[in-house]
C-alpha atoms as a PDB file:
ATOM      1  CA  UNK A   1     -43.229   1.253 -79.109  1.00  0.00           C
ATOM      2  CA  UNK A   2     -43.087   0.252 -75.470  1.00  0.00           C
ATOM      3  CA  UNK A   3     -39.931   3.293 -75.376  1.00  0.00           C
ATOM      4  CA  UNK A   4     -41.835   6.172 -77.017  1.00  0.00           C
ATOM      5  CA  UNK A   5     -45.344   5.183 -75.193  1.00  0.00           C
ATOM      6  CA  UNK A   6     -43.027   5.594 -72.453  1.00  0.00           C
ATOM      7  CA  UNK A   7     -40.899   9.368 -73.478  1.00  0.00           C
ATOM      8  CA  UNK A   8     -43.833  10.556 -74.315  1.00  0.00           C
ATOM      9  CA  UNK A   9     -46.175   9.038 -70.802  1.00  0.00           C
ATOM     10  CA  UNK A  10     -46.151  13.002 -69.750  1.00  0.00           C
ATOM     11  CA  UNK A  11     -48.392  14.243 -72.619  1.00  0.00           C
ATOM     12  CA  UNK A  12     -50.945  10.905 -71.962  1.00  0.00           C
ATOM     13  CA  UNK A  13     -54.247  10.519 -69.465  1.00  0.00           C
ATOM     14  CA  UNK A  14     -52.905   8.430 -66.753  1.00  0.00           C
ATOM     15  CA  UNK A  15     -56.535   6.058 -67.745  1.00  0.00           C
ATOM     16  CA  UNK A  16     -55.207   5.490 -70.932  1.00  0.00           C
ATOM     17  CA  UNK A  17     -51.681   4.572 -69.529  1.00  0.00           C
ATOM     18  CA  UNK A  18     -53.565   2.832 -67.071  1.00  0.00           C
ATOM     19  CA  UNK A  19     -55.593   0.551 -70.080  1.00  0.00           C
ATOM     20  CA  UNK A  20     -53.249   0.843 -72.139  1.00  0.00           C
ATOM     21  CA  UNK A  21     -50.542  -1.112 -69.502  1.00  0.00           C
ATOM     22  CA  UNK A  22     -53.785  -3.294 -68.505  1.00  0.00           C
ATOM     23  CA  UNK A  23     -53.836  -4.280 -72.099  1.00  0.00           C
ATOM     24  CA  UNK A  24     -49.795  -4.965 -73.418  1.00  0.00           C
ATOM     25  CA  UNK A  25     -47.123  -5.834 -70.718  1.00  0.00           C
ATOM     26  CA  UNK A  26     -49.393  -6.316 -67.940  1.00  0.00           C
ATOM     27  CA  UNK A  27     -51.555  -9.234 -69.945  1.00  0.00           C
ATOM     28  CA  UNK A  28     -48.764 -10.125 -71.355  1.00  0.00           C
ATOM     29  CA  UNK A  29     -47.221 -10.803 -67.892  1.00  0.00           C
ATOM     30  CA  UNK A  30     -49.825 -12.762 -65.751  1.00  0.00           C
ATOM     31  CA  UNK A  31     -49.935 -15.213 -69.260  1.00  0.00           C
ATOM     32  CA  UNK A  32     -46.602 -15.210 -68.172  1.00  0.00           C
ATOM     33  CA  UNK A  33     -47.117 -16.077 -64.729  1.00  0.00           C
ATOM     34  CA  UNK A  34     -49.760 -18.696 -65.184  1.00  0.00           C
ATOM     35  CA  UNK A  35     -48.166 -20.139 -67.307  1.00  0.00           C
ATOM     36  CA  UNK A  36     -45.450 -20.957 -64.716  1.00  0.00           C
ATOM     37  CA  UNK A  37     -47.940 -21.167 -61.983  1.00  0.00           C
ATOM     38  CA  UNK A  38     -48.804 -24.896 -64.156  1.00  0.00           C
ATOM     39  CA  UNK A  39     -44.869 -25.394 -64.571  1.00  0.00           C
ATOM     40  CA  UNK A  40     -44.543 -25.619 -61.029  1.00  0.00           C
ATOM     41  CA  UNK A  41     -47.630 -27.094 -59.794  1.00  0.00           C
ATOM     42  CA  UNK A  42     -46.368 -29.895 -62.434  1.00  0.00           C
ATOM     43  CA  UNK A  43     -42.780 -29.504 -60.116  1.00  0.00           C
ATOM     44  CA  UNK A  44     -40.556 -28.463 -63.239  1.00  0.00           C
ATOM     45  CA  UNK A  45     -40.346 -24.609 -61.493  1.00  0.00           C
ATOM     46  CA  UNK A  46     -40.036 -23.471 -58.562  1.00  0.00           C
ATOM     47  CA  UNK A  47     -41.880 -21.048 -58.053  1.00  0.00           C
ATOM     48  CA  UNK A  48     -43.104 -19.346 -54.723  1.00  0.00           C
ATOM     49  CA  UNK A  49     -44.961 -15.506 -56.471  1.00  0.00           C
ATOM     50  CA  UNK A  50     -45.907 -16.700 -60.408  1.00  0.00           C
ATOM     51  CA  UNK A  51     -46.501 -13.368 -60.994  1.00  0.00           C
ATOM     52  CA  UNK A  52     -42.960 -12.428 -60.336  1.00  0.00           C
ATOM     53  CA  UNK A  53     -41.308 -15.147 -61.888  1.00  0.00           C
ATOM     54  CA  UNK A  54     -43.315 -14.120 -64.963  1.00  0.00           C
ATOM     55  CA  UNK A  55     -41.481 -10.371 -63.853  1.00  0.00           C
ATOM     56  CA  UNK A  56     -38.025 -12.065 -63.966  1.00  0.00           C
ATOM     57  CA  UNK A  57     -38.785 -14.180 -67.446  1.00  0.00           C
ATOM     58  CA  UNK A  58     -39.851 -11.578 -69.329  1.00  0.00           C
ATOM     59  CA  UNK A  59     -36.640  -9.294 -68.501  1.00  0.00           C
ATOM     60  CA  UNK A  60     -34.362 -11.723 -69.212  1.00  0.00           C
ATOM     61  CA  UNK A  61     -35.485 -12.720 -72.493  1.00  0.00           C
ATOM     62  CA  UNK A  62     -36.029  -8.543 -73.226  1.00  0.00           C
ATOM     63  CA  UNK A  63     -32.999  -7.323 -72.227  1.00  0.00           C
ATOM     64  CA  UNK A  64     -30.693  -8.875 -74.525  1.00  0.00           C
ATOM     65  CA  UNK A  65     -32.757  -7.706 -77.654  1.00  0.00           C
ATOM     66  CA  UNK A  66     -33.427  -4.226 -75.995  1.00  0.00           C
ATOM     67  CA  UNK A  67     -30.350  -2.854 -75.115  1.00  0.00           C
ATOM     68  CA  UNK A  68     -28.997  -4.467 -78.258  1.00  0.00           C
ATOM     69  CA  UNK A  69     -31.648  -1.987 -80.111  1.00  0.00           C
ATOM     70  CA  UNK A  70     -30.734   0.956 -82.297  1.00  0.00           C
ATOM     71  CA  UNK A  71     -32.262   2.601 -84.566  1.00  0.00           C
ATOM     72  CA  UNK A  72     -29.049   3.014 -86.638  1.00  0.00           C
ATOM     73  CA  UNK A  73     -27.333  -0.577 -86.231  1.00  0.00           C
ATOM     74  CA  UNK A  74     -28.624  -3.745 -88.481  1.00  0.00           C
ATOM     75  CA  UNK A  75     -31.266  -5.536 -86.352  1.00  0.00           C
ATOM     76  CA  UNK A  76     -30.557  -9.043 -84.248  1.00  0.00           C
ATOM     77  CA  UNK A  77     -30.636 -12.127 -87.054  1.00  0.00           C
ATOM     78  CA  UNK A  78     -32.605 -14.182 -85.676  1.00  0.00           C
ATOM     79  CA  UNK A  79     -29.798 -16.787 -85.255  1.00  0.00           C
ATOM     80  CA  UNK A  80     -28.365 -13.770 -82.887  1.00  0.00           C
ATOM     81  CA  UNK A  81     -32.402 -13.078 -81.539  1.00  0.00           C
ATOM     82  CA  UNK A  82     -32.649 -17.610 -80.547  1.00  0.00           C
ATOM     83  CA  UNK A  83     -28.849 -17.730 -78.632  1.00  0.00           C
ATOM     84  CA  UNK A  84     -30.477 -14.224 -76.339  1.00  0.00           C
ATOM     85  CA  UNK A  85     -33.420 -15.878 -75.919  1.00  0.00           C
ATOM     86  CA  UNK A  86     -31.610 -19.224 -74.638  1.00  0.00           C
ATOM     87  CA  UNK A  87     -29.466 -17.515 -72.447  1.00  0.00           C
ATOM     88  CA  UNK A  88     -32.285 -15.253 -70.993  1.00  0.00           C
ATOM     89  CA  UNK A  89     -33.765 -19.035 -70.087  1.00  0.00           C
ATOM     90  CA  UNK A  90     -30.701 -21.122 -69.136  1.00  0.00           C
ATOM     91  CA  UNK A  91     -30.371 -17.723 -66.852  1.00  0.00           C
ATOM     92  CA  UNK A  92     -34.161 -17.968 -65.652  1.00  0.00           C
ATOM     93  CA  UNK A  93     -34.196 -21.768 -65.288  1.00  0.00           C
ATOM     94  CA  UNK A  94     -30.605 -21.009 -62.920  1.00  0.00           C
ATOM     95  CA  UNK A  95     -32.721 -19.838 -60.346  1.00  0.00           C
ATOM     96  CA  UNK A  96     -36.176 -21.001 -60.835  1.00  0.00           C
ATOM     97  CA  UNK A  97     -35.675 -24.970 -61.701  1.00  0.00           C
ATOM     98  CA  UNK A  98     -36.965 -27.553 -59.366  1.00  0.00           C
ATOM     99  CA  UNK A  99     -33.848 -30.148 -59.516  1.00  0.00           C
ATOM    100  CA  UNK A 100     -30.460 -27.810 -58.647  1.00  0.00           C
ATOM    101  CA  UNK A 101     -28.480 -29.876 -60.793  1.00  0.00           C
ATOM    102  CA  UNK A 102     -29.935 -29.507 -64.804  1.00  0.00           C
ATOM    103  CA  UNK A 103     -27.617 -28.089 -66.930  1.00  0.00           C
ATOM    104  CA  UNK A 104     -29.270 -25.455 -69.197  1.00  0.00           C
ATOM    105  CA  UNK A 105     -29.469 -28.036 -71.997  1.00  0.00           C
ATOM    106  CA  UNK A 106     -31.775 -30.088 -69.462  1.00  0.00           C
ATOM    107  CA  UNK A 107     -28.619 -32.653 -69.490  1.00  0.00           C
ATOM    108  CA  UNK A 108     -27.652 -33.870 -65.878  1.00  0.00           C
ATOM    109  CA  UNK A 109     -25.247 -32.428 -65.348  1.00  0.00           C
ATOM    110  CA  UNK A 110     -21.531 -33.903 -65.268  1.00  0.00           C
ATOM    111  CA  UNK A 111     -18.742 -32.955 -63.132  1.00  0.00           C
END
């Protein structure tokens, strides 16, 4: 749907596009930012700008799913989606985790 709206944006009134962004993508980003702000306040993440961090997390979480999608290909399996999302979260935590010596699984790194 996002791809279709983006492709047809020139044919929609600006007010409609604004309303759609506010009700959809921006609302999701603000909700994620609120959650990340809470994790930051709890000392679990280093979040200077929760809205920017939310954009990073959403981009990481959706990137592989979006890049893998083509109308003529088989959809990703649930296992593939789980692995893609786990990798996205691991990448996000590499940048935002409050404790820098944790592995993506949450276990203490051993060197």
